[in-house]
Amino acid sequence: MIEDRHIWEGWHVSDFVEDLSVTFSYQNFKSKDELKKWCKDEQPYYKKHIPEVYKHFLNKWQQEQ
């Protein structure tokens, strides 16, 4: 993952991952699509799909399965 890739107004991939990590463990995803939508909807300020953020949480989710 390219954690230092700039996404939006000073925010990098790692910033979005860090922000979403706080609530990730409280989620109960039933599908990859549900996870993808959650990532996009819960990102602060930037409501577009960020592939690196999704892949990070997809890997975490799959490890927990």
PDB file of N, CA and C in Angstrom:
ATOM      1  N   MET A   1       0.852  -1.181   0.000  1.00  0.00           N
ATOM      2  CA  MET A   1       0.000   0.000   0.000  1.00  0.00           C
ATOM      3  C   MET A   1       0.894   1.240   0.000  1.00  0.00           C
ATOM      4  N   ILE A   2       0.513   2.203  -0.753  1.00  0.00           N
ATOM      5  CA  ILE A   2       1.239   3.468  -0.802  1.00  0.00           C
ATOM      6  C   ILE A   2       0.609   4.403   0.223  1.00  0.00           C
ATOM      7  N   GLU A   3       1.085   4.311   1.457  1.00  0.00           N
ATOM      8  CA  GLU A   3       0.476   5.050   2.556  1.00  0.00           C
ATOM      9  C   GLU A   3       0.685   6.550   2.468  1.00  0.00           C
ATOM     10  N   ASP A   4       1.747   6.978   1.797  1.00  0.00           N
ATOM     11  CA  ASP A   4       2.027   8.410   1.756  1.00  0.00           C
ATOM     12  C   ASP A   4       1.447   9.103   0.517  1.00  0.00           C
ATOM     13  N   ARG A   5       0.654   8.371  -0.264  1.00  0.00           N
ATOM     14  CA  ARG A   5       0.026   8.980  -1.451  1.00  0.00           C
ATOM     15  C   ARG A   5      -0.962  10.052  -1.003  1.00  0.00           C
ATOM     16  N   HIS A   6      -0.798  11.238  -1.559  1.00  0.00           N
ATOM     17  CA  HIS A   6      -1.674  12.358  -1.237  1.00  0.00           C
ATOM     18  C   HIS A   6      -3.034  12.149  -1.901  1.00  0.00           C
ATOM     19  N   ILE A   7      -4.091  12.303  -1.108  1.00  0.00           N
ATOM     20  CA  ILE A   7      -5.442  12.107  -1.621  1.00  0.00           C
ATOM     21  C   ILE A   7      -6.170  13.433  -1.778  1.00  0.00           C
ATOM     22  N   TRP A   8      -6.156  14.225  -0.717  1.00  0.00           N
ATOM     23  CA  TRP A   8      -6.986  15.423  -0.737  1.00  0.00           C
ATOM     24  C   TRP A   8      -6.542  16.392   0.356  1.00  0.00           C
ATOM     25  N   GLU A   9      -6.260  17.619   0.008  1.00  0.00           N
ATOM     26  CA  GLU A   9      -5.940  18.718   0.932  1.00  0.00           C
ATOM     27  C   GLU A   9      -5.111  18.305   2.151  1.00  0.00           C
ATOM     28  N   GLY A  10      -3.965  17.702   1.906  1.00  0.00           N
ATOM     29  CA  GLY A  10      -3.065  17.312   2.983  1.00  0.00           C
ATOM     30  C   GLY A  10      -3.335  15.944   3.578  1.00  0.00           C
ATOM     31  N   TRP A  11      -4.400  15.301   3.165  1.00  0.00           N
ATOM     32  CA  TRP A  11      -4.724  13.970   3.663  1.00  0.00           C
ATOM     33  C   TRP A  11      -4.056  12.923   2.769  1.00  0.00           C
ATOM     34  N   HIS A  12      -3.424  11.949   3.417  1.00  0.00           N
ATOM     35  CA  HIS A  12      -2.775  10.841   2.723  1.00  0.00           C
ATOM     36  C   HIS A  12      -3.540   9.553   3.039  1.00  0.00           C
ATOM     37  N   VAL A  13      -3.228   8.504   2.309  1.00  0.00           N
ATOM     38  CA  VAL A  13      -3.885   7.213   2.532  1.00  0.00           C
ATOM     39  C   VAL A  13      -3.807   6.829   4.006  1.00  0.00           C
ATOM     40  N   SER A  14      -2.639   6.971   4.593  1.00  0.00           N
ATOM     41  CA  SER A  14      -2.453   6.572   5.996  1.00  0.00           C
ATOM     42  C   SER A  14      -3.351   7.361   6.949  1.00  0.00           C
ATOM     43  N   ASP A  15      -3.651   8.609   6.615  1.00  0.00           N
ATOM     44  CA  ASP A  15      -4.549   9.415   7.457  1.00  0.00           C
ATOM     45  C   ASP A  15      -5.968   8.851   7.450  1.00  0.00           C
ATOM     46  N   PHE A  16      -6.442   8.459   6.277  1.00  0.00           N
ATOM     47  CA  PHE A  16      -7.785   7.881   6.174  1.00  0.00           C
ATOM     48  C   PHE A  16      -7.842   6.527   6.891  1.00  0.00           C
ATOM     49  N   VAL A  17      -6.798   5.719   6.726  1.00  0.00           N
ATOM     50  CA  VAL A  17      -6.751   4.421   7.399  1.00  0.00           C
ATOM     51  C   VAL A  17      -6.778   4.618   8.910  1.00  0.00           C
ATOM     52  N   GLU A  18      -5.973   5.544   9.388  1.00  0.00           N
ATOM     53  CA  GLU A  18      -5.922   5.817  10.833  1.00  0.00           C
ATOM     54  C   GLU A  18      -7.280   6.272  11.360  1.00  0.00           C
ATOM     55  N   ASP A  19      -7.936   7.142  10.628  1.00  0.00           N
ATOM     56  CA  ASP A  19      -9.227   7.663  11.064  1.00  0.00           C
ATOM     57  C   ASP A  19     -10.294   6.568  11.113  1.00  0.00           C
ATOM     58  N   LEU A  20     -10.333   5.706  10.115  1.00  0.00           N
ATOM     59  CA  LEU A  20     -11.337   4.644  10.061  1.00  0.00           C
ATOM     60  C   LEU A  20     -11.031   3.486  11.006  1.00  0.00           C
ATOM     61  N   SER A  21      -9.773   3.324  11.364  1.00  0.00           N
ATOM     62  CA  SER A  21      -9.381   2.222  12.252  1.00  0.00           C
ATOM     63  C   SER A  21     -10.077   2.286  13.604  1.00  0.00           C
ATOM     64  N   VAL A  22     -10.433   3.473  14.023  1.00  0.00           N
ATOM     65  CA  VAL A  22     -11.066   3.665  15.334  1.00  0.00           C
ATOM     66  C   VAL A  22     -12.373   2.889  15.439  1.00  0.00           C
ATOM     67  N   THR A  23     -13.162   2.872  14.379  1.00  0.00           N
ATOM     68  CA  THR A  23     -14.476   2.228  14.439  1.00  0.00           C
ATOM     69  C   THR A  23     -14.566   0.911  13.661  1.00  0.00           C
ATOM     70  N   PHE A  24     -13.506   0.531  12.961  1.00  0.00           N
ATOM     71  CA  PHE A  24     -13.547  -0.678  12.139  1.00  0.00           C
ATOM     72  C   PHE A  24     -13.926  -1.918  12.945  1.00  0.00           C
ATOM     73  N   SER A  25     -13.325  -2.081  14.091  1.00  0.00           N
ATOM     74  CA  SER A  25     -13.546  -3.306  14.871  1.00  0.00           C
ATOM     75  C   SER A  25     -14.977  -3.441  15.401  1.00  0.00           C
ATOM     76  N   TYR A  26     -15.732  -2.365  15.379  1.00  0.00           N
ATOM     77  CA  TYR A  26     -17.117  -2.407  15.851  1.00  0.00           C
ATOM     78  C   TYR A  26     -18.109  -2.773  14.751  1.00  0.00           C
ATOM     79  N   GLN A  27     -17.611  -2.926  13.536  1.00  0.00           N
ATOM     80  CA  GLN A  27     -18.481  -3.198  12.396  1.00  0.00           C
ATOM     81  C   GLN A  27     -18.672  -4.700  12.213  1.00  0.00           C
ATOM     82  N   ASN A  28     -19.789  -5.057  11.585  1.00  0.00           N
ATOM     83  CA  ASN A  28     -20.082  -6.452  11.285  1.00  0.00           C
ATOM     84  C   ASN A  28     -20.472  -6.542   9.808  1.00  0.00           C
ATOM     85  N   PHE A  29     -19.476  -6.609   8.960  1.00  0.00           N
ATOM     86  CA  PHE A  29     -19.717  -6.609   7.525  1.00  0.00           C
ATOM     87  C   PHE A  29     -20.150  -7.988   7.048  1.00  0.00           C
ATOM     88  N   LYS A  30     -21.098  -7.991   6.139  1.00  0.00           N
ATOM     89  CA  LYS A  30     -21.599  -9.242   5.591  1.00  0.00           C
ATOM     90  C   LYS A  30     -21.059  -9.516   4.183  1.00  0.00           C
ATOM     91  N   SER A  31     -20.482  -8.477   3.550  1.00  0.00           N
ATOM     92  CA  SER A  31     -19.964  -8.654   2.197  1.00  0.00           C
ATOM     93  C   SER A  31     -18.863  -7.633   1.911  1.00  0.00           C
ATOM     94  N   LYS A  32     -18.137  -7.887   0.842  1.00  0.00           N
ATOM     95  CA  LYS A  32     -17.093  -6.958   0.409  1.00  0.00           C
ATOM     96  C   LYS A  32     -17.698  -5.630  -0.025  1.00  0.00           C
ATOM     97  N   ASP A  33     -18.859  -5.701  -0.661  1.00  0.00           N
ATOM     98  CA  ASP A  33     -19.524  -4.467  -1.107  1.00  0.00           C
ATOM     99  C   ASP A  33     -19.928  -3.594   0.084  1.00  0.00           C
ATOM    100  N   GLU A  34     -20.380  -4.241   1.136  1.00  0.00           N
ATOM    101  CA  GLU A  34     -20.766  -3.508   2.345  1.00  0.00           C
ATOM    102  C   GLU A  34     -19.535  -2.832   2.964  1.00  0.00           C
ATOM    103  N   LEU A  35     -18.426  -3.531   2.995  1.00  0.00           N
ATOM    104  CA  LEU A  35     -17.172  -2.963   3.499  1.00  0.00           C
ATOM    105  C   LEU A  35     -16.725  -1.784   2.640  1.00  0.00           C
ATOM    106  N   LYS A  36     -16.800  -1.946   1.337  1.00  0.00           N
ATOM    107  CA  LYS A  36     -16.389  -0.882   0.411  1.00  0.00           C
ATOM    108  C   LYS A  36     -17.240   0.367   0.605  1.00  0.00           C
ATOM    109  N   LYS A  37     -18.529   0.184   0.750  1.00  0.00           N
ATOM    110  CA  LYS A  37     -19.433   1.322   0.968  1.00  0.00           C
ATOM    111  C   LYS A  37     -19.128   1.998   2.302  1.00  0.00           C
ATOM    112  N   TRP A  38     -18.875   1.206   3.347  1.00  0.00           N
ATOM    113  CA  TRP A  38     -18.551   1.758   4.655  1.00  0.00           C
ATOM    114  C   TRP A  38     -17.286   2.615   4.579  1.00  0.00           C
ATOM    115  N   CYS A  39     -16.252   2.103   3.916  1.00  0.00           N
ATOM    116  CA  CYS A  39     -15.001   2.863   3.778  1.00  0.00           C
ATOM    117  C   CYS A  39     -15.257   4.222   3.142  1.00  0.00           C
ATOM    118  N   LYS A  40     -16.004   4.222   2.061  1.00  0.00           N
ATOM    119  CA  LYS A  40     -16.278   5.469   1.347  1.00  0.00           C
ATOM    120  C   LYS A  40     -17.135   6.414   2.183  1.00  0.00           C
ATOM    121  N   ASP A  41     -18.180   5.905   2.795  1.00  0.00           N
ATOM    122  CA  ASP A  41     -19.116   6.740   3.549  1.00  0.00           C
ATOM    123  C   ASP A  41     -18.517   7.299   4.836  1.00  0.00           C
ATOM    124  N   GLU A  42     -17.620   6.565   5.467  1.00  0.00           N
ATOM    125  CA  GLU A  42     -17.075   6.972   6.764  1.00  0.00           C
ATOM    126  C   GLU A  42     -15.815   7.820   6.668  1.00  0.00           C
ATOM    127  N   GLN A  43     -15.259   7.961   5.490  1.00  0.00           N
ATOM    128  CA  GLN A  43     -14.067   8.792   5.333  1.00  0.00           C
ATOM    129  C   GLN A  43     -14.420  10.244   5.603  1.00  0.00           C
ATOM    130  N   PRO A  44     -13.608  10.913   6.400  1.00  0.00           N
ATOM    131  CA  PRO A  44     -13.887  12.330   6.653  1.00  0.00           C
ATOM    132  C   PRO A  44     -13.576  13.176   5.419  1.00  0.00           C
ATOM    133  N   TYR A  45     -14.461  14.076   5.100  1.00  0.00           N
ATOM    134  CA  TYR A  45     -14.273  15.095   4.045  1.00  0.00           C
ATOM    135  C   TYR A  45     -14.299  14.568   2.616  1.00  0.00           C
ATOM    136  N   TYR A  46     -13.743  13.408   2.343  1.00  0.00           N
ATOM    137  CA  TYR A  46     -13.561  12.902   0.990  1.00  0.00           C
ATOM    138  C   TYR A  46     -14.421  11.664   0.813  1.00  0.00           C
ATOM    139  N   LYS A  47     -15.476  11.759   0.021  1.00  0.00           N
ATOM    140  CA  LYS A  47     -16.461  10.675  -0.090  1.00  0.00           C
ATOM    141  C   LYS A  47     -16.364   9.915  -1.409  1.00  0.00           C
ATOM    142  N   LYS A  48     -15.132   9.687  -1.852  1.00  0.00           N
ATOM    143  CA  LYS A  48     -14.907   8.880  -3.052  1.00  0.00           C
ATOM    144  C   LYS A  48     -14.118   7.634  -2.665  1.00  0.00           C
ATOM    145  N   HIS A  49     -14.245   6.605  -3.478  1.00  0.00           N
ATOM    146  CA  HIS A  49     -13.545   5.346  -3.236  1.00  0.00           C
ATOM    147  C   HIS A  49     -12.034   5.559  -3.325  1.00  0.00           C
ATOM    148  N   ILE A  50     -11.310   5.113  -2.286  1.00  0.00           N
ATOM    149  CA  ILE A  50      -9.850   5.135  -2.291  1.00  0.00           C
ATOM    150  C   ILE A  50      -9.409   3.672  -2.242  1.00  0.00           C
ATOM    151  N   PRO A  51      -8.904   3.143  -3.348  1.00  0.00           N
ATOM    152  CA  PRO A  51      -8.580   1.722  -3.416  1.00  0.00           C
ATOM    153  C   PRO A  51      -7.657   1.235  -2.306  1.00  0.00           C
ATOM    154  N   GLU A  52      -6.651   2.018  -1.944  1.00  0.00           N
ATOM    155  CA  GLU A  52      -5.708   1.592  -0.910  1.00  0.00           C
ATOM    156  C   GLU A  52      -6.378   1.459   0.457  1.00  0.00           C
ATOM    157  N   VAL A  53      -7.301   2.351   0.750  1.00  0.00           N
ATOM    158  CA  VAL A  53      -8.022   2.300   2.030  1.00  0.00           C
ATOM    159  C   VAL A  53      -8.903   1.054   2.055  1.00  0.00           C
ATOM    160  N   TYR A  54      -9.627   0.831   0.991  1.00  0.00           N
ATOM    161  CA  TYR A  54     -10.484  -0.350   0.895  1.00  0.00           C
ATOM    162  C   TYR A  54      -9.660  -1.633   1.028  1.00  0.00           C
ATOM    163  N   LYS A  55      -8.549  -1.725   0.311  1.00  0.00           N
ATOM    164  CA  LYS A  55      -7.723  -2.937   0.355  1.00  0.00           C
ATOM    165  C   LYS A  55      -7.164  -3.177   1.749  1.00  0.00           C
ATOM    166  N   HIS A  56      -6.790  -2.126   2.439  1.00  0.00           N
ATOM    167  CA  HIS A  56      -6.279  -2.265   3.801  1.00  0.00           C
ATOM    168  C   HIS A  56      -7.331  -2.923   4.697  1.00  0.00           C
ATOM    169  N   PHE A  57      -8.543  -2.397   4.664  1.00  0.00           N
ATOM    170  CA  PHE A  57      -9.593  -2.937   5.520  1.00  0.00           C
ATOM    171  C   PHE A  57     -10.127  -4.274   5.024  1.00  0.00           C
ATOM    172  N   LEU A  58     -10.080  -4.512   3.741  1.00  0.00           N
ATOM    173  CA  LEU A  58     -10.468  -5.818   3.207  1.00  0.00           C
ATOM    174  C   LEU A  58      -9.522  -6.892   3.753  1.00  0.00           C
ATOM    175  N   ASN A  59      -8.237  -6.616   3.752  1.00  0.00           N
ATOM    176  CA  ASN A  59      -7.265  -7.571   4.294  1.00  0.00           C
ATOM    177  C   ASN A  59      -7.514  -7.832   5.776  1.00  0.00           C
ATOM    178  N   LYS A  60      -7.766  -6.784   6.539  1.00  0.00           N
ATOM    179  CA  LYS A  60      -8.053  -6.945   7.974  1.00  0.00           C
ATOM    180  C   LYS A  60      -9.319  -7.767   8.183  1.00  0.00           C
ATOM    181  N   TRP A  61     -10.346  -7.473   7.399  1.00  0.00           N
ATOM    182  CA  TRP A  61     -11.630  -8.173   7.512  1.00  0.00           C
ATOM    183  C   TRP A  61     -11.479  -9.656   7.181  1.00  0.00           C
ATOM    184  N   GLN A  62     -10.730  -9.947   6.128  1.00  0.00           N
ATOM    185  CA  GLN A  62     -10.526 -11.331   5.713  1.00  0.00           C
ATOM    186  C   GLN A  62      -9.714 -12.102   6.743  1.00  0.00           C
ATOM    187  N   GLN A  63      -8.797 -11.449   7.405  1.00  0.00           N
ATOM    188  CA  GLN A  63      -7.994 -12.109   8.446  1.00  0.00           C
ATOM    189  C   GLN A  63      -8.878 -12.466   9.648  1.00  0.00           C
ATOM    190  N   GLU A  64      -9.889 -11.689   9.896  1.00  0.00           N
ATOM    191  CA  GLU A  64     -10.769 -11.926  11.026  1.00  0.00           C
ATOM    192  C   GLU A  64     -11.803 -13.021  10.748  1.00  0.00           C
ATOM    193  N   GLN A  65     -11.992 -13.337   9.487  1.00  0.00           N
ATOM    194  CA  GLN A  65     -12.994 -14.350   9.105  1.00  0.00           C
ATOM    195  C   GLN A  65     -12.532 -15.740   9.456  1.00  0.00           C
TER     196      GLN A  65
END
